[in-house]
Structures are given as C-alpha cells and as structure tokens.
C-alpha cells in the first residue's frame, strides 16, 4: 500500500513556501489532495510572531445528513472545541472567589457561559463554507489550570490557564463535489473553520492530544453512501481581499488562518450499475440484432436503429437530471456517449451497404440477395467486428475502474486502518495540477473600517509620480479615501475636433440674422447741425 502515498518527509501544507496561493483550484477539474499519516501533527511556527496565539481545534461530526449531489451541499451537526493557553491574572476573568480557589488550589474545571467572550479574548471562530444561517445550539467556555515545569514558578493569582471554547452547531455546508469518477466517486465533506483575527495574531491547528472523529452510526444516507472512519485535517491560509497592513511595511493583503476538517464518503454505485450501465448496454446490444435483416432492406434497418439511438439519448438526459451542470464528463457520461457513437456508426453502415447494393446493377435487379453473396459476407464481418470492439471496450472499462476510481477507495481503507492505530491524518494540498504565474501586487488594497487603527497614512502610487495638479484629502473617517482631482490630459484636449450639428431651425436663425443686419444698415442717421 506504500505505493499509493508519498514518503512521510513531505512538507505539510502549512509549510508551503507560496503562502499567497490559494489551496483551492479554480479550474473545473482538480485532482484530489493526497493524505499523509503521521504519529503526531507537525507544527511550524516560523511565520508567527511571539505574541501570536495558537488555537488547537478538535471537531466531531455528530451526524451527517443528506448529501445533495445536484446542489453540491450537505447537512451536518458538528461539535468542536478550541483550546488556547494564557498566562494571566485569575482576577481578570470575573470569577467568583470560590471558583478562583478551585482553579488555583484544587485544579477544578470552571465553566463559564457565552457572556465570557464579551470581556475576554476569544478566537472569534466562524464557518467559512456555511450556507445560510448556522443554528448554534449551545456555546460555553471551560477554564482549567495547566501545570508544567515552566509555569510552576508562577505565584497566584497569576497562573497558566487553558481556556476551551465549546460550540455545537447545525447547518448546511457547501462542498465542491468531484464527479469525474461518478458513480464510483469518493467525496470529501469539509468543515472549514477560520477566525476574524489575522495570521500574526492567531493561528489554527489541529489538537495534537484530542483527535477529531465522526459518528458513523447516525449517518442519514447509509443506503447511498458509505462513510469512512478517519478524519483528516488541512491547515492553510486565506487572504483578505481588502486590507491595510501598517504604516511602515506598505500596503499588502492580510491573511487569516483556516483549518479544514474533512471526512470522506464513498458512493454506493450498485444502483447506477443496474439502472444506468446495464440498461445502456442492453439498448446497444439490441442494435446488433438488426443484422439479421437482409442488407437490401435499409428502410427496416434504419428505422429500428434510429429508434434505439433516440431511446439511448433520451435515457441519458434522464440520468443527467440527478447531476449538477458540470463542464467535464463523468464515467457514466463517457460510457453513454460511447454507446451512442456505436449506434451512429451502425446507422452509417446500414446506409452505406444499402447504397452499394442499390448502385450495383447485377444485385439491384434481384428481389433479394443470397447468403453467399459478397455483400452479405461483408455485412456479416462488420457485425462480428463491431460486436468484438464493443466487448473490448467493456473489458478496458472494467480494468480502468479497478485501477483508477477504486484505487481511491483502497486508499481510504488504508487511512482507516492507520487512523484506528492512533495516527493523525492530514491533507497535503501544496502540490497543484497546473502551474500559474505569480500575480503582481495590487496598488491599492483596502480592508474593513473596524480594523484600521489610528489615522490612515498618505499613500503615494508607486507607478507614476505625483503631479502638482493632483491633491488627496484624507477624511477623519479612516474608511473613506478618495481623490479630489483627476488627471487632465492637455494634449488630448488640444487635438479634440468639435463637430457641429445643424438643426432645421438653423435656416430660420440665419435668415433672421440677415434681416437684422439689413435693418441696421438702413436706419436713419441723425442730422448733424451746421455750426
């Protein structure tokens, strides 16, 4: 089974050097990310500041509901925990005196309600791929003292506390389904947890002590899907589209940490094998029975073959109603199209052999051809050759199903065995199918108003120098930033040609001007008095 997986010294996804590249593929077809098995999770903190908090997350899939293939979404009821440690004063957590004594002396877990997040720091977690409103059934916090060799020297009321946020949510989540191997496909059902804090302040990782899990007994679609036991994780980064960084480092996009927790489900293909592949096979096989009709009767052959062709096309449209509109072909689509092409080729052959017989005067005068005729022998060889080619296509299809679609199912079974042995599984999404050029940084990037501290600095464009005719005003509201004057191109204004449009009333105005000029010239001049 080691040939299915790369060696374990492969870099985990959170060590990808190209942090600015999205881990999700934008193309219509993408390859499934490979999974790696490790006894413990790799933690890389080279990109973090010393003040960054590391939040450890554990997620449990309590129940997986209906998986909607047509709309690419699924329902789930999940519970997750977010743990982080802080060395702080116990008096600052609004604890009762009894709770403080229990926390420092008796090492008892103290429970706080949802109001704890209003006065203390929390990761501000939310689900990235949620659709619509998420129903939050319950939310609470637990605080306990964590003892270690480094924190034993701390004197009360200062202590090293481990704070855990517990949340149970239910909702509908979006998932891009990979239907290339439909109906023998394996789908990833992912919950992407992210935070409002930036990467330099908060980072999300999987809890190395408590593994994520799934409840397979409460799976809703067991008749159509098979749910695997293992749960894989993927740590990645996402960019904020509009953000400032700080005054000294210039403008750059901020990043947020994302932890994707994934369970896998394999579709049970038996229904589609019997009601899809089998019926298409029977329709196409019936086309070879038409060779029992003599080749000099094309009207009977073409009528039956065209009827089978239209039946196959109609059946394909009925099957595609259960699939989303995708730009690539599934395995069932490829098989249906091959069968349609086979029926079209048979229609073309029936037309060719009938035309040859009709154009041959020796055979055309006869009311029928005998079985020893050369055209009957050729027609018989075409029937045998076409049938053998169709059977060969099925043999190749079965071999391809074993070595390509069912290979991923064998990988999932291997990951189940490794997960049951107590190992962690994470997804390696650093390798990409297609190479793309690195995009140039944007000149101006903005972010939300509430995250801009202080006064926004004056920003100069790096592309062109600032001209005296331009001016920029910064409003006290840091969310507003706009230029007052625009650049005027004088050379373009000089070369502008003015086009005058003459209306119908221009003739009237021209005549009126001539009359006025004539009246002025014929006015009576005043008589000058002689001295």
Protein backbone atom coordinates (compact mmCIF):
# COMPACT_ATOMS: atom_id res chain seq x y z
CA UNK A 1 0.00 0.00 0.00
CA UNK A 2 3.01 2.34 0.26
CA UNK A 3 2.93 2.92 -3.47
CA UNK A 4 -0.29 4.91 -3.06
CA UNK A 5 1.30 7.52 -0.81
CA UNK A 6 4.41 9.71 -0.98
CA UNK A 7 7.10 9.40 1.74
CA UNK A 8 6.41 10.89 5.14
CA UNK A 9 9.13 13.53 4.93
CA UNK A 10 6.92 15.56 2.56
CA UNK A 11 6.28 19.08 3.78
CA UNK A 12 2.89 19.55 5.40
CA UNK A 13 0.50 22.05 3.86
CA UNK A 14 1.24 24.71 6.46
CA UNK A 15 4.90 24.78 5.36
CA UNK A 16 4.14 25.72 1.81
CA UNK A 17 6.52 28.48 0.73
CA UNK A 18 3.98 30.03 -1.60
CA UNK A 19 1.60 31.22 1.09
CA UNK A 20 -0.11 33.66 -1.22
CA UNK A 21 -1.50 30.96 -3.49
CA UNK A 22 -4.92 29.63 -2.73
CA UNK A 23 -5.10 25.96 -1.91
CA UNK A 24 -8.38 25.57 -3.77
CA UNK A 25 -8.22 25.02 -7.50
CA UNK A 26 -10.12 27.45 -9.69
CA UNK A 27 -10.31 25.08 -12.62
CA UNK A 28 -13.29 22.88 -13.33
CA UNK A 29 -11.23 19.72 -12.87
CA UNK A 30 -8.90 19.26 -9.97
CA UNK A 31 -7.10 16.30 -8.53
CA UNK A 32 -7.87 15.05 -5.07
CA UNK A 33 -5.37 16.15 -2.45
CA UNK A 34 -3.24 13.34 -1.14
CA UNK A 35 -3.41 12.39 2.54
CA UNK A 36 -0.45 11.73 4.79
CA UNK A 37 -0.29 9.74 8.01
CA UNK A 38 1.87 10.89 10.91
CA UNK A 39 2.11 9.71 14.53
CA UNK A 40 1.90 13.36 15.64
CA UNK A 41 0.97 16.58 13.89
CA UNK A 42 3.80 18.79 12.57
CA UNK A 43 3.72 22.31 13.98
CA UNK A 44 5.59 25.07 12.25
CA UNK A 45 5.70 28.45 13.94
CA UNK A 46 8.38 30.14 11.86
CA UNK A 47 5.89 32.52 10.27
CA UNK A 48 4.31 33.59 13.55
CA UNK A 49 5.14 36.45 15.86
CA UNK A 50 5.93 35.69 19.52
CA UNK A 51 2.61 37.28 20.51
CA UNK A 52 0.56 35.03 18.22
CA UNK A 53 -1.82 32.66 19.96
CA UNK A 54 -2.01 29.05 18.81
CA UNK A 55 -5.54 27.71 18.97
CA UNK A 56 -5.90 23.92 18.95
CA UNK A 57 -9.13 22.68 17.42
CA UNK A 58 -10.90 19.35 17.69
CA UNK A 59 -14.07 18.68 15.70
CA UNK A 60 -16.58 15.85 15.98
CA UNK A 61 -19.10 15.08 13.24
CA UNK A 62 -22.12 14.15 15.37
CA UNK A 63 -24.42 13.50 12.44
CA UNK A 64 -24.08 13.75 8.65
CA UNK A 65 -27.41 14.44 6.98
CA UNK A 66 -28.48 14.38 3.36
CA UNK A 67 -25.68 14.75 0.77
CA UNK A 68 -27.20 16.68 -2.13
CA UNK A 69 -25.22 15.82 -5.26
CA UNK A 70 -27.30 18.04 -7.52
CA UNK A 71 -26.79 21.25 -5.48
CA UNK A 72 -23.33 20.33 -4.11
CA UNK A 73 -24.13 20.70 -0.43
CA UNK A 74 -24.71 18.54 2.64
CA UNK A 75 -26.23 18.82 6.09
CA UNK A 76 -24.27 18.21 9.26
CA UNK A 77 -24.48 18.51 13.02
CA UNK A 78 -21.00 19.13 14.45
CA UNK A 79 -19.34 19.89 17.77
CA UNK A 80 -15.89 21.45 18.05
CA UNK A 81 -13.53 22.61 20.77
CA UNK A 82 -10.97 25.42 20.54
CA UNK A 83 -8.20 25.42 23.18
CA UNK A 84 -5.54 28.02 23.89
CA UNK A 85 -3.30 28.82 26.87
CA UNK A 86 -2.67 32.16 28.55
CA UNK A 87 -0.54 33.27 31.47
CA UNK A 88 -2.76 35.88 33.08
CA UNK A 89 -4.13 37.09 36.36
CA UNK A 90 -7.04 34.99 37.54
CA UNK A 91 -8.76 38.05 39.00
CA UNK A 92 -9.23 39.49 35.48
CA UNK A 93 -11.62 36.70 34.42
CA UNK A 94 -14.61 37.75 36.51
CA UNK A 95 -14.52 34.57 38.54
CA UNK A 96 -16.20 34.11 41.87
CA UNK A 97 -13.91 33.68 44.91
CA UNK A 98 -14.93 30.04 45.18
CA UNK A 99 -14.10 29.47 41.53
CA UNK A 100 -10.69 31.12 41.93
CA UNK A 101 -9.84 28.87 44.85
CA UNK A 102 -10.97 25.79 42.96
CA UNK A 103 -9.00 26.83 39.91
CA UNK A 104 -5.72 27.58 41.71
CA UNK A 105 -5.75 25.05 44.53
CA UNK A 106 -8.00 22.17 43.61
CA UNK A 107 -7.34 22.29 39.85
CA UNK A 108 -11.06 22.01 39.07
CA UNK A 109 -12.50 22.89 35.66
CA UNK A 110 -14.59 26.07 35.84
CA UNK A 111 -17.44 26.54 33.39
CA UNK A 112 -18.50 29.95 32.02
CA UNK A 113 -21.40 30.84 29.81
CA UNK A 114 -21.42 32.65 26.47
CA UNK A 115 -21.00 36.07 28.12
CA UNK A 116 -17.35 35.22 28.80
CA UNK A 117 -16.45 36.24 25.21
CA UNK A 118 -17.67 39.82 25.77
CA UNK A 119 -14.97 40.68 28.32
CA UNK A 120 -12.10 38.37 27.36
CA UNK A 121 -10.10 37.44 24.27
CA UNK A 122 -11.55 34.67 22.10
CA UNK A 123 -10.55 33.32 18.66
CA UNK A 124 -13.78 34.65 17.06
CA UNK A 125 -14.27 31.50 15.03
CA UNK A 126 -16.77 31.05 12.23
CA UNK A 127 -17.51 28.51 9.49
CA UNK A 128 -16.18 29.55 6.10
CA UNK A 129 -18.19 27.21 3.85
CA UNK A 130 -21.55 27.56 5.58
CA UNK A 131 -24.68 28.19 3.50
CA UNK A 132 -27.36 30.38 5.03
CA UNK A 133 -27.87 30.74 8.73
CA UNK A 134 -25.99 28.42 11.08
CA UNK A 135 -28.03 27.21 14.04
CA UNK A 136 -25.87 27.41 17.15
CA UNK A 137 -27.41 25.05 19.65
CA UNK A 138 -25.04 25.63 22.53
CA UNK A 139 -21.88 27.58 23.40
CA UNK A 140 -19.87 27.67 26.61
CA UNK A 141 -16.32 28.04 27.94
CA UNK A 142 -14.24 25.99 30.38
CA UNK A 143 -11.15 27.18 32.25
CA UNK A 144 -8.58 24.96 33.92
CA UNK A 145 -5.08 25.40 35.28
CA UNK A 146 -2.34 23.85 33.20
CA UNK A 147 0.76 22.84 35.09
CA UNK A 148 4.21 22.48 33.56
CA UNK A 149 7.86 22.90 34.55
CA UNK A 150 7.97 26.43 33.12
CA UNK A 151 4.84 27.62 34.94
CA UNK A 152 5.39 26.03 38.36
CA UNK A 153 7.30 29.11 39.50
CA UNK A 154 4.30 31.37 38.92
CA UNK A 155 2.76 32.70 42.10
CA UNK A 156 -1.01 33.15 42.50
CA UNK A 157 -3.11 34.86 41.32
CA UNK A 158 -1.01 34.60 38.13
CA UNK A 159 -1.41 31.19 36.54
CA UNK A 160 -1.12 29.37 33.26
CA UNK A 161 -4.71 28.76 32.19
CA UNK A 162 -6.06 26.60 29.42
CA UNK A 163 -9.26 28.07 28.06
CA UNK A 164 -11.53 25.94 25.90
CA UNK A 165 -14.44 27.18 23.79
CA UNK A 166 -17.15 24.58 23.19
CA UNK A 167 -19.66 25.01 20.39
CA UNK A 168 -22.28 22.80 18.80
CA UNK A 169 -23.73 23.95 15.50
CA UNK A 170 -26.05 22.58 12.85
CA UNK A 171 -26.48 23.78 9.28
CA UNK A 172 -25.94 23.28 5.57
CA UNK A 173 -22.42 23.40 4.18
CA UNK A 174 -21.14 23.81 0.63
CA UNK A 175 -18.70 21.30 -0.87
CA UNK A 176 -17.34 21.17 -4.40
CA UNK A 177 -18.05 17.60 -5.44
CA UNK A 178 -15.59 15.86 -7.75
CA UNK A 179 -17.75 13.80 -10.12
CA UNK A 180 -15.11 12.65 -12.57
CA UNK A 181 -15.46 9.03 -11.41
CA UNK A 182 -19.23 9.09 -10.87
CA UNK A 183 -20.84 6.77 -9.80
CA UNK A 184 -17.73 5.19 -8.23
CA UNK A 185 -16.63 8.51 -6.68
CA UNK A 186 -15.37 9.34 -3.19
CA UNK A 187 -16.31 12.77 -1.86
CA UNK A 188 -14.70 14.98 0.78
CA UNK A 189 -17.11 16.52 3.30
CA UNK A 190 -15.27 19.50 4.77
CA UNK A 191 -15.90 21.96 7.59
CA UNK A 192 -13.61 24.99 7.16
CA UNK A 193 -13.09 26.86 10.44
CA UNK A 194 -11.45 30.27 10.27
CA UNK A 195 -11.04 33.31 12.50
CA UNK A 196 -11.51 37.06 12.26
CA UNK A 197 -8.03 37.58 13.73
CA UNK A 198 -5.06 37.93 11.41
CA UNK A 199 -2.39 35.28 11.00
CA UNK A 200 0.19 37.17 13.07
CA UNK A 201 -2.24 37.23 15.99
CA UNK A 202 -3.94 33.84 15.85
CA UNK A 203 -3.21 30.53 14.18
CA UNK A 204 -5.46 27.47 14.00
CA UNK A 205 -4.07 23.93 14.19
CA UNK A 206 -5.45 20.52 14.96
CA UNK A 207 -5.35 19.48 18.58
CA UNK A 208 -2.41 17.04 18.85
CA UNK A 209 -3.85 15.50 22.03
CA UNK A 210 -7.51 15.03 21.09
CA UNK A 211 -8.17 13.79 17.58
CA UNK A 212 -11.19 14.73 15.52
CA UNK A 213 -13.73 11.96 14.99
CA UNK A 214 -17.04 11.07 13.35
CA UNK A 215 -20.16 9.24 14.45
CA UNK A 216 -20.89 6.76 11.67
CA UNK A 217 -23.96 5.26 13.32
CA UNK A 218 -26.01 8.47 12.93
CA UNK A 219 -25.30 8.78 9.20
CA UNK A 220 -28.52 9.62 7.36
CA UNK A 221 -27.68 8.41 3.82
CA UNK A 222 -26.30 4.95 4.57
CA UNK A 223 -28.25 3.40 1.68
CA UNK A 224 -26.49 5.61 -0.88
CA UNK A 225 -23.15 6.40 0.76
CA UNK A 226 -20.50 4.63 2.78
CA UNK A 227 -18.87 6.78 5.46
CA UNK A 228 -15.21 6.18 6.34
CA UNK A 229 -13.89 6.23 9.89
CA UNK A 230 -10.90 8.55 9.58
CA UNK A 231 -10.97 12.35 9.75
CA UNK A 232 -8.25 14.38 8.01
CA UNK A 233 -7.20 17.99 8.57
CA UNK A 234 -5.63 20.67 6.42
CA UNK A 235 -4.09 23.91 7.69
CA UNK A 236 -3.98 26.69 5.15
CA UNK A 237 -4.13 30.45 4.84
CA UNK A 238 -6.64 32.71 3.14
CA UNK A 239 -6.19 36.32 2.06
CA UNK A 240 -8.42 39.20 2.92
CA UNK A 241 -9.32 40.93 -0.33
CA UNK A 242 -9.35 44.48 1.07
CA UNK A 243 -6.88 45.23 3.82
CA UNK A 244 -4.17 47.59 5.04
CA UNK A 245 -1.12 46.28 6.78
CA UNK A 246 0.70 49.03 8.68
CA UNK A 247 2.42 52.36 8.05
CA UNK A 248 5.98 51.05 7.74
CA UNK A 249 5.60 47.92 5.63
CA UNK A 250 3.35 49.46 2.96
CA UNK A 251 0.18 48.02 1.51
CA UNK A 252 -0.29 44.24 1.50
CA UNK A 253 -3.11 41.80 1.90
CA UNK A 254 -3.77 40.43 5.33
CA UNK A 255 -4.04 36.68 5.90
CA UNK A 256 -6.25 34.55 8.10
CA UNK A 257 -5.61 31.04 9.35
CA UNK A 258 -8.01 28.30 8.25
CA UNK A 259 -8.33 24.75 9.50
CA UNK A 260 -10.30 22.38 7.26
CA UNK A 261 -11.59 19.19 8.90
CA UNK A 262 -12.60 16.56 6.35
CA UNK A 263 -14.42 13.26 6.46
CA UNK A 264 -14.83 11.02 3.40
CA UNK A 265 -17.87 9.29 1.96
CA UNK A 266 -17.92 6.80 -0.93
CA UNK A 267 -20.98 6.47 -3.13
CA UNK A 268 -22.55 3.03 -3.37
CA UNK A 269 -22.58 2.51 -7.18
CA UNK A 270 -24.87 -0.54 -7.36
CA UNK A 271 -27.98 1.47 -8.21
CA UNK A 272 -26.27 3.19 -11.15
CA UNK A 273 -24.65 -0.02 -12.38
CA UNK A 274 -28.02 -1.76 -12.72
CA UNK A 275 -30.19 1.20 -13.73
CA UNK A 276 -27.60 3.07 -15.79
CA UNK A 277 -24.80 0.98 -17.26
CA UNK A 278 -26.85 -2.20 -17.62
CA UNK A 279 -29.78 -0.56 -19.46
CA UNK A 280 -27.47 1.33 -21.82
CA UNK A 281 -25.63 -1.92 -22.52
CA UNK A 282 -28.88 -3.75 -23.35
CA UNK A 283 -30.08 -0.96 -25.66
CA UNK A 284 -26.80 -1.02 -27.59
CA UNK A 285 -26.69 -4.82 -27.80
CA UNK A 286 -30.11 -4.80 -29.46
CA UNK A 287 -28.61 -2.82 -32.32
CA UNK A 288 -26.51 -5.83 -33.36
CA UNK A 289 -29.67 -7.94 -33.72
CA UNK A 290 -30.63 -5.77 -36.70
CA UNK A 291 -28.01 -7.55 -38.82
CA UNK A 292 -30.47 -10.45 -39.08
CA UNK A 293 -32.45 -8.29 -41.54
CA UNK A 294 -31.07 -8.53 -45.12
CA UNK A 295 -28.86 -5.59 -46.05
CA UNK A 296 -31.00 -4.76 -49.09
CA UNK A 297 -33.81 -3.60 -46.75
CA UNK A 298 -32.37 -0.34 -45.40
CA UNK A 299 -35.80 1.06 -44.50
CA UNK A 300 -36.25 -1.58 -41.81
CA UNK A 301 -32.69 -1.42 -40.54
CA UNK A 302 -32.50 2.37 -40.29
CA UNK A 303 -35.91 2.66 -38.67
CA UNK A 304 -35.04 0.28 -35.84
CA UNK A 305 -31.51 1.65 -35.34
CA UNK A 306 -32.69 5.28 -35.20
CA UNK A 307 -35.35 4.30 -32.67
CA UNK A 308 -32.69 2.75 -30.44
CA UNK A 309 -30.50 5.83 -30.90
CA UNK A 310 -33.24 8.20 -29.77
CA UNK A 311 -34.03 5.90 -26.84
CA UNK A 312 -30.41 5.98 -25.71
CA UNK A 313 -30.22 9.78 -25.96
CA UNK A 314 -33.45 10.21 -24.00
CA UNK A 315 -32.27 7.81 -21.32
CA UNK A 316 -29.01 9.77 -20.96
CA UNK A 317 -30.90 13.01 -20.38
CA UNK A 318 -33.00 11.34 -17.69
CA UNK A 319 -29.87 10.11 -15.86
CA UNK A 320 -28.21 13.54 -16.02
CA UNK A 321 -31.07 15.14 -14.09
CA UNK A 322 -29.57 13.80 -10.87
CA UNK A 323 -26.21 15.51 -11.53
CA UNK A 324 -25.21 19.19 -11.40
CA UNK A 325 -24.33 21.09 -14.55
CA UNK A 326 -20.62 20.42 -14.92
CA UNK A 327 -18.24 21.08 -17.80
CA UNK A 328 -16.49 17.70 -17.73
CA UNK A 329 -17.65 14.15 -18.37
CA UNK A 330 -18.30 11.60 -15.67
CA UNK A 331 -17.67 7.87 -16.10
CA UNK A 332 -21.36 7.29 -16.80
CA UNK A 333 -21.36 10.08 -19.39
CA UNK A 334 -18.39 8.60 -21.20
CA UNK A 335 -20.00 5.17 -21.33
CA UNK A 336 -23.30 6.59 -22.62
CA UNK A 337 -21.56 8.65 -25.30
CA UNK A 338 -19.54 5.63 -26.46
CA UNK A 339 -22.76 3.64 -26.83
CA UNK A 340 -24.39 6.48 -28.77
CA UNK A 341 -21.40 6.68 -31.10
CA UNK A 342 -21.66 2.92 -31.66
CA UNK A 343 -25.33 3.28 -32.68
CA UNK A 344 -24.49 6.17 -35.02
CA UNK A 345 -21.75 4.10 -36.71
CA UNK A 346 -24.21 1.25 -37.23
CA UNK A 347 -26.70 3.67 -38.85
CA UNK A 348 -23.97 4.90 -41.18
CA UNK A 349 -23.01 1.34 -42.10
CA UNK A 350 -26.59 0.36 -42.91
CA UNK A 351 -26.83 3.34 -45.25
CA UNK A 352 -23.50 2.52 -46.95
CA UNK A 353 -24.23 -1.16 -47.60
CA UNK A 354 -27.72 -0.35 -48.89
CA UNK A 355 -26.34 2.30 -51.27
CA UNK A 356 -23.69 -0.09 -52.62
CA UNK A 357 -26.29 -2.79 -53.28
CA UNK A 358 -28.62 -0.29 -54.95
CA UNK A 359 -25.88 1.06 -57.23
CA UNK A 360 -24.81 -2.46 -58.31
CA UNK A 361 -26.98 -3.38 -61.35
CA UNK A 362 -26.34 -7.12 -61.00
CA UNK A 363 -27.78 -7.25 -57.50
CA UNK A 364 -30.33 -4.49 -57.76
CA UNK A 365 -32.42 -6.37 -60.37
CA UNK A 366 -32.79 -9.28 -57.97
CA UNK A 367 -35.56 -9.30 -55.41
CA UNK A 368 -33.12 -10.41 -52.72
CA UNK A 369 -29.52 -11.47 -52.13
CA UNK A 370 -28.37 -14.91 -51.08
CA UNK A 371 -26.26 -15.56 -48.01
CA UNK A 372 -23.24 -16.43 -50.18
CA UNK A 373 -23.21 -13.00 -51.80
CA UNK A 374 -20.09 -10.93 -51.21
CA UNK A 375 -22.13 -8.06 -49.73
CA UNK A 376 -23.79 -10.41 -47.26
CA UNK A 377 -20.36 -11.71 -46.18
CA UNK A 378 -19.01 -8.18 -45.71
CA UNK A 379 -22.08 -7.23 -43.70
CA UNK A 380 -21.61 -10.33 -41.56
CA UNK A 381 -17.92 -9.47 -40.89
CA UNK A 382 -18.85 -5.91 -39.91
CA UNK A 383 -21.39 -7.28 -37.41
CA UNK A 384 -18.84 -9.61 -35.82
CA UNK A 385 -16.10 -6.94 -35.78
CA UNK A 386 -18.37 -4.29 -34.25
CA UNK A 387 -19.58 -6.67 -31.55
CA UNK A 388 -15.99 -7.66 -30.64
CA UNK A 389 -14.96 -4.00 -30.45
CA UNK A 390 -17.88 -3.25 -28.15
CA UNK A 391 -16.93 -6.14 -25.85
CA UNK A 392 -13.29 -4.96 -25.87
CA UNK A 393 -14.42 -1.51 -24.76
CA UNK A 394 -16.16 -3.07 -21.74
CA UNK A 395 -13.04 -5.03 -20.81
CA UNK A 396 -10.95 -1.85 -20.92
CA UNK A 397 -13.61 -0.04 -18.87
CA UNK A 398 -13.57 -2.68 -16.13
CA UNK A 399 -9.75 -2.58 -15.92
CA UNK A 400 -9.81 1.21 -15.74
CA UNK A 401 -12.43 1.15 -12.96
CA UNK A 402 -10.25 -1.15 -10.88
CA UNK A 403 -7.02 0.81 -11.28
CA UNK A 404 -8.39 4.39 -11.22
CA UNK A 405 -11.70 5.04 -9.38
CA UNK A 406 -11.43 2.09 -6.99
CA UNK A 407 -7.82 2.97 -6.21
CA UNK A 408 -9.04 5.90 -4.12
CA UNK A 409 -11.35 3.57 -2.19
CA UNK A 410 -8.37 1.38 -1.34
CA UNK A 411 -6.55 4.49 -0.13
CA UNK A 412 -9.45 5.38 2.15
CA UNK A 413 -9.47 1.88 3.63
CA UNK A 414 -5.74 2.17 4.27
CA UNK A 415 -6.28 5.52 6.03
CA UNK A 416 -8.99 3.92 8.17
CA UNK A 417 -6.54 1.31 9.38
CA UNK A 418 -3.91 3.95 10.16
CA UNK A 419 -6.48 6.11 11.95
CA UNK A 420 -7.62 3.18 14.11
CA UNK A 421 -4.00 2.61 15.09
CA UNK A 422 -3.91 6.08 16.70
CA UNK A 423 -2.17 8.11 13.99
CA UNK A 424 -3.05 11.58 12.72
CA UNK A 425 -4.04 12.17 9.11
CA UNK A 426 -3.58 15.49 7.36
CA UNK A 427 -4.19 16.55 3.78
CA UNK A 428 -1.31 17.63 1.58
CA UNK A 429 -2.74 20.24 -0.77
CA UNK A 430 0.54 22.01 -1.53
CA UNK A 431 1.02 20.21 -4.86
CA UNK A 432 -1.03 21.66 -7.69
CA UNK A 433 -2.01 20.20 -11.02
CA UNK A 434 -1.41 23.34 -13.01
CA UNK A 435 1.36 25.92 -12.71
CA UNK A 436 0.38 29.57 -12.77
CA UNK A 437 2.38 32.76 -12.84
CA UNK A 438 2.52 34.81 -9.69
CA UNK A 439 0.25 37.82 -9.98
CA UNK A 440 1.56 41.30 -9.42
CA UNK A 441 0.57 43.01 -6.16
CA UNK A 442 -2.27 45.46 -6.33
CA UNK A 443 -1.57 49.17 -5.98
CA UNK A 444 -4.35 49.96 -3.55
CA UNK A 445 -5.87 47.41 -1.21
CA UNK A 446 -8.48 48.26 1.40
CA UNK A 447 -9.90 46.48 4.39
CA UNK A 448 -12.88 46.80 6.67
CA UNK A 449 -13.30 50.01 8.71
CA UNK A 450 -13.29 48.49 12.16
CA UNK A 451 -9.77 47.08 11.73
CA UNK A 452 -7.96 50.33 10.73
CA UNK A 453 -6.17 51.67 13.82
CA UNK A 454 -5.45 55.37 14.06
CA UNK A 455 -5.23 57.75 11.12
CA UNK A 456 -4.77 56.40 7.62
CA UNK A 457 -1.37 57.48 6.19
CA UNK A 458 -0.99 59.31 2.90
CA UNK A 459 -0.48 56.75 0.13
CA UNK A 460 1.58 57.51 -2.96
CA UNK A 461 1.18 55.48 -6.08
CA UNK A 462 4.38 53.55 -6.99
CA UNK A 463 3.56 53.59 -10.70
CA UNK A 464 3.65 57.30 -11.53
CA UNK A 465 4.95 60.32 -9.62
CA UNK A 466 2.57 62.74 -8.03
CA UNK A 467 1.87 65.86 -10.11
CA UNK A 468 1.25 69.35 -8.69
CA UNK A 469 -2.25 69.37 -10.18
CA UNK A 470 -3.29 66.42 -8.04
CA UNK A 471 -4.33 66.53 -4.43
CA UNK A 472 -5.54 63.99 -1.92
CA UNK A 473 -7.71 64.66 1.10
CA UNK A 474 -7.98 62.16 3.93
CA UNK A 475 -11.28 62.29 5.76
CA UNK A 476 -11.19 61.71 9.57
CA UNK A 477 -13.22 58.57 8.96
CA UNK A 478 -10.46 56.07 8.07
CA UNK A 479 -12.82 54.05 5.89
CA UNK A 480 -13.10 56.87 3.32
CA UNK A 481 -10.27 57.51 0.90
CA UNK A 482 -10.84 59.15 -2.46
CA UNK A 483 -9.04 61.53 -4.88
CA UNK A 484 -10.41 65.05 -5.27
CA UNK A 485 -8.99 66.00 -8.65
CA UNK A 486 -8.42 63.84 -11.65
CA UNK A 487 -5.54 64.00 -14.04
CA UNK A 488 -6.22 66.10 -17.14
CA UNK A 489 -4.52 65.28 -20.41
CA UNK A 490 -3.85 68.60 -22.17
CA UNK A 491 -2.53 67.04 -25.37
CA UNK A 492 -5.76 65.16 -25.82
CA UNK A 493 -7.78 68.34 -25.31
CA UNK A 494 -5.83 70.21 -27.98
CA UNK A 495 -6.36 67.53 -30.59
CA UNK A 496 -10.06 67.33 -29.94
CA UNK A 497 -12.20 68.07 -33.01
CA UNK A 498 -15.53 69.77 -32.44
CA UNK A 499 -18.39 68.57 -34.64
CA UNK A 500 -21.30 70.99 -35.07
CA UNK A 501 -24.71 69.55 -35.82
CA UNK A 502 -27.01 71.85 -37.80
CA UNK A 503 -30.67 71.55 -36.96
CA UNK A 504 -33.65 72.53 -39.06
CA UNK A 505 -34.17 75.80 -37.18
CA UNK A 506 -30.68 76.99 -38.12
CA UNK A 507 -32.05 78.21 -41.51
CA UNK A 508 -34.60 80.38 -39.72
CA UNK A 509 -31.95 81.84 -37.41
CA UNK A 510 -29.64 82.58 -40.37
CA UNK A 511 -32.42 84.41 -42.21
CA UNK A 512 -33.30 86.38 -39.11
CA UNK A 513 -29.70 87.47 -38.68
CA UNK A 514 -29.61 88.71 -42.31
CA UNK A 515 -32.79 90.78 -41.80
CA UNK A 516 -31.43 92.34 -38.62
CA UNK A 517 -28.20 93.23 -40.34
CA UNK A 518 -30.12 94.83 -43.22
CA UNK A 519 -32.28 96.89 -40.83
CA UNK A 520 -29.25 98.17 -39.04
CA UNK A 521 -27.69 99.29 -42.31
CA UNK A 522 -30.88 101.16 -43.41
CA UNK A 523 -31.50 103.02 -40.18
CA UNK A 524 -31.99 106.82 -40.48
CA UNK A 525 -28.87 108.62 -39.47
CA UNK A 526 -29.26 111.69 -37.25
CA UNK A 527 -28.85 115.09 -39.00
CA UNK A 528 -25.85 116.98 -37.87
CA UNK A 529 -26.43 120.67 -37.13
CA UNK A 530 -24.27 123.02 -39.04
CA UNK A 531 -22.33 125.45 -36.99
